[in-house]
Structure formats: C-alpha cells, structure tokens
Amino acid sequence: MTMATAMPFDMIVGSCNPVAPPIVITFEPPKAIGTTQFTAQYEGAPGCVHGAALAGAFDIILTAANFMSGAAGPTVELTIRYRKPTLIAQPAVFEGWVNERKGRRIHSQGRLIQEGIVTVEATGEFVDMERSRIASMHRRSGRPGPA
C-alpha cells in the first residue's frame, strides 16, 4: 500500500486531492525518498517553490521515514531551514531518515537536493502512537478511517 492510498485526502500525497503535488515516495532503508518536480502552481517568489509547499512535503517525507522504522503518529514540531532557492520545474529529491527514538517520541531529519545542491533541511519531532489510536482519530472526525 502506498502513502497516497493510505491517506487519499492528504494535501501532499493524497490521490484524491487535486492540489497535491506529484511526489512519489519510495523506501530505500534507512531513508524515505520523495521525488517530484514542482509546477508553477506551487510558486512563491518568481521561479521558486513556496516555502509552505516545501514544509508540507517535508512533513510527509519525515512521516514516511518514521513509518519505515515502525513508528507512526502526529507531528509535534517541524523545523525548516531554507538554504538556497528551490526552483520550479526542476527535479527535486527529498530524503528523510530517523535520528533517534526516545520513549514515545521519534526524531527525524531530512534534506532536499536539487541539481546536487541541498536547498532545504528539516528536522522533526513526532509522537509514536499505536495504529489503533490513529484510526480512532479518523472515527472522531466522522470520516471513515483505515480498517
């Protein structure tokens, strides 16, 4: 099952969300890899990807890395460092990996590479929750959740 299938309405990878950028996530342990080419609809400064689009993409890439390590749960903190402009219409590769797990917290890190240059770095802290608790959050929302 892909992340797009598991989260069909997600704003970054949702297969049912028309504004989701075309990010393809693969698992190359110990890293989750996301590849895409942002189009003009994600533009911020002229010719550059908007920072909010990049932050959203990192949230899901780090979540994918967490999932690969056997953890899942909501984001507690996400820190983004924009090092260089990320260009529209150029291939972009996200990498995410887990740094450490402490009790119910998982700490992950990532970077975005474009034309061999690291344009953005990210760190995140997430809560490691049981899958049944995550499913119960879907039930509270009134939307059907994972079975």
Protein backbone atom coordinates (compact mmCIF):
# COMPACT_ATOMS: atom_id res chain seq x y z
CA MET A 1 0.00 0.00 0.00
CA THR A 2 1.35 3.44 -0.91
CA MET A 3 1.06 6.52 1.29
CA ALA A 4 -1.27 8.04 -1.32
CA THR A 5 -3.58 5.05 -0.94
CA ALA A 6 -3.42 5.11 2.86
CA MET A 7 -4.11 8.87 3.03
CA PRO A 8 -6.28 9.65 -0.02
CA PHE A 9 -7.13 13.22 1.04
CA ASP A 10 -3.67 14.25 2.26
CA MET A 11 -2.69 17.64 0.87
CA ILE A 12 0.77 16.41 -0.19
CA VAL A 13 0.35 12.80 -1.36
CA GLY A 14 -3.42 12.32 -1.48
CA SER A 15 -4.53 10.58 -4.64
CA CYS A 16 -7.97 12.22 -4.23
CA ASN A 17 -6.59 15.71 -3.58
CA PRO A 18 -6.32 17.83 -6.74
CA VAL A 19 -3.80 20.23 -5.16
CA ALA A 20 -1.36 17.51 -4.04
CA PRO A 21 1.99 17.87 -5.79
CA PRO A 22 3.13 14.80 -7.73
CA ILE A 23 5.54 13.47 -5.08
CA VAL A 24 6.46 9.81 -5.46
CA ILE A 25 7.74 8.27 -2.22
CA THR A 26 9.94 5.20 -2.22
CA PHE A 27 11.66 3.40 0.64
CA GLU A 28 15.40 2.89 0.43
CA PRO A 29 16.28 1.92 4.03
CA PRO A 30 17.24 3.74 6.10
CA LYS A 31 15.84 6.62 4.01
CA ALA A 32 12.46 7.56 2.63
CA ILE A 33 12.95 9.22 -0.75
CA GLY A 34 10.48 11.61 -2.36
CA THR A 35 10.89 12.71 -5.95
CA THR A 36 8.98 15.44 -7.71
CA GLN A 37 9.14 18.42 -9.99
CA PHE A 38 7.09 21.31 -8.63
CA THR A 39 4.99 23.18 -11.18
CA ALA A 40 4.02 26.86 -11.34
CA GLN A 41 1.01 26.37 -9.05
CA TYR A 42 3.49 25.93 -6.14
CA GLU A 43 5.38 29.13 -6.89
CA GLY A 44 6.25 31.65 -4.18
CA ALA A 45 8.99 34.05 -5.23
CA PRO A 46 9.26 34.17 -9.04
CA GLY A 47 10.65 30.89 -10.32
CA CYS A 48 10.89 29.36 -6.83
CA VAL A 49 8.82 26.88 -4.84
CA HIS A 50 6.82 28.44 -2.00
CA GLY A 51 8.20 27.61 1.44
CA ALA A 52 4.82 26.36 2.67
CA ALA A 53 4.74 23.72 -0.10
CA LEU A 54 8.23 22.60 0.91
CA ALA A 55 7.32 22.45 4.61
CA GLY A 56 4.26 20.34 3.84
CA ALA A 57 6.32 17.99 1.70
CA PHE A 58 8.90 17.57 4.47
CA ASP A 59 6.18 16.74 6.98
CA ILE A 60 5.10 13.78 4.85
CA ILE A 61 8.66 12.70 3.91
CA LEU A 62 9.69 12.57 7.58
CA THR A 63 6.43 10.76 8.37
CA ALA A 64 7.36 8.20 5.69
CA ALA A 65 10.78 7.72 7.31
CA ASN A 66 9.08 7.21 10.67
CA PHE A 67 6.66 4.70 9.18
CA MET A 68 9.55 2.78 7.62
CA SER A 69 11.14 2.49 11.08
CA GLY A 70 7.89 1.14 12.55
CA ALA A 71 6.60 4.39 14.07
CA ALA A 72 3.55 6.47 13.23
CA GLY A 73 1.88 9.49 14.74
CA PRO A 74 1.31 13.22 14.58
CA THR A 75 3.92 15.93 14.22
CA VAL A 76 4.93 17.74 17.41
CA GLU A 77 7.48 20.10 15.87
CA LEU A 78 8.82 20.68 12.38
CA THR A 79 11.78 22.97 11.75
CA ILE A 80 12.67 24.01 8.23
CA ARG A 81 15.90 25.72 7.17
CA TYR A 82 15.83 27.23 3.70
CA ARG A 83 19.43 27.27 2.46
CA LYS A 84 19.00 28.10 -1.25
CA PRO A 85 16.02 28.75 -3.50
CA THR A 86 14.27 25.59 -4.69
CA LEU A 87 13.43 26.08 -8.34
CA ILE A 88 10.14 25.42 -10.10
CA ALA A 89 10.23 22.92 -12.99
CA GLN A 90 13.48 21.28 -11.84
CA PRO A 91 13.75 17.73 -10.47
CA ALA A 92 13.78 17.72 -6.66
CA VAL A 93 14.72 14.83 -4.37
CA PHE A 94 13.67 14.73 -0.71
CA GLU A 95 15.47 12.42 1.72
CA GLY A 96 14.20 11.62 5.21
CA TRP A 97 15.57 9.39 7.96
CA VAL A 98 15.11 8.71 11.67
CA ASN A 99 17.79 10.02 14.03
CA GLU A 100 16.57 8.56 17.31
CA ARG A 101 13.64 7.20 19.26
CA LYS A 102 13.12 8.15 22.90
CA GLY A 103 10.12 6.53 24.51
CA ARG A 104 7.06 7.68 22.56
CA ARG A 105 8.98 10.37 20.64
CA ILE A 106 10.73 9.95 17.33
CA HIS A 107 13.20 12.47 15.92
CA SER A 108 13.72 12.62 12.17
CA GLN A 109 15.76 14.66 9.75
CA GLY A 110 15.72 15.37 6.05
CA ARG A 111 17.05 17.38 3.17
CA LEU A 112 16.01 18.46 -0.29
CA ILE A 113 18.52 18.16 -3.10
CA GLN A 114 18.17 19.90 -6.44
CA GLU A 115 20.88 19.74 -9.10
CA GLY A 116 23.32 18.35 -6.49
CA ILE A 117 22.71 21.24 -4.08
CA VAL A 118 20.99 20.97 -0.69
CA THR A 119 18.32 23.68 -0.85
CA VAL A 120 16.36 22.87 2.33
CA GLU A 121 16.99 20.97 5.56
CA ALA A 122 14.36 19.78 8.03
CA THR A 123 14.14 18.28 11.49
CA GLY A 124 11.03 16.96 13.15
CA GLU A 125 9.73 15.50 16.36
CA PHE A 126 6.75 13.15 16.23
CA VAL A 127 4.63 11.17 18.69
CA ASP A 128 4.86 7.42 18.22
CA MET A 129 1.28 6.17 18.58
CA GLU A 130 -0.36 2.79 18.28
CA ARG A 131 -2.11 2.33 14.94
CA SER A 132 -5.45 1.80 16.72
CA ARG A 133 -5.22 5.27 18.32
CA ILE A 134 -4.51 6.84 14.94
CA ALA A 135 -7.53 5.03 13.47
CA SER A 136 -9.70 6.33 16.33
CA MET A 137 -8.80 9.91 15.37
CA HIS A 138 -10.37 9.24 11.96
CA ARG A 139 -13.54 7.92 13.59
CA ARG A 140 -13.87 11.10 15.70
CA SER A 141 -13.73 13.22 12.56
CA GLY A 142 -16.75 11.46 11.06
CA ARG A 143 -14.70 10.29 8.09
CA PRO A 144 -14.06 6.62 7.59
CA GLY A 145 -10.54 5.67 8.67
CA PRO A 146 -8.28 2.76 7.89
CA ALA A 147 -9.70 -0.66 8.68
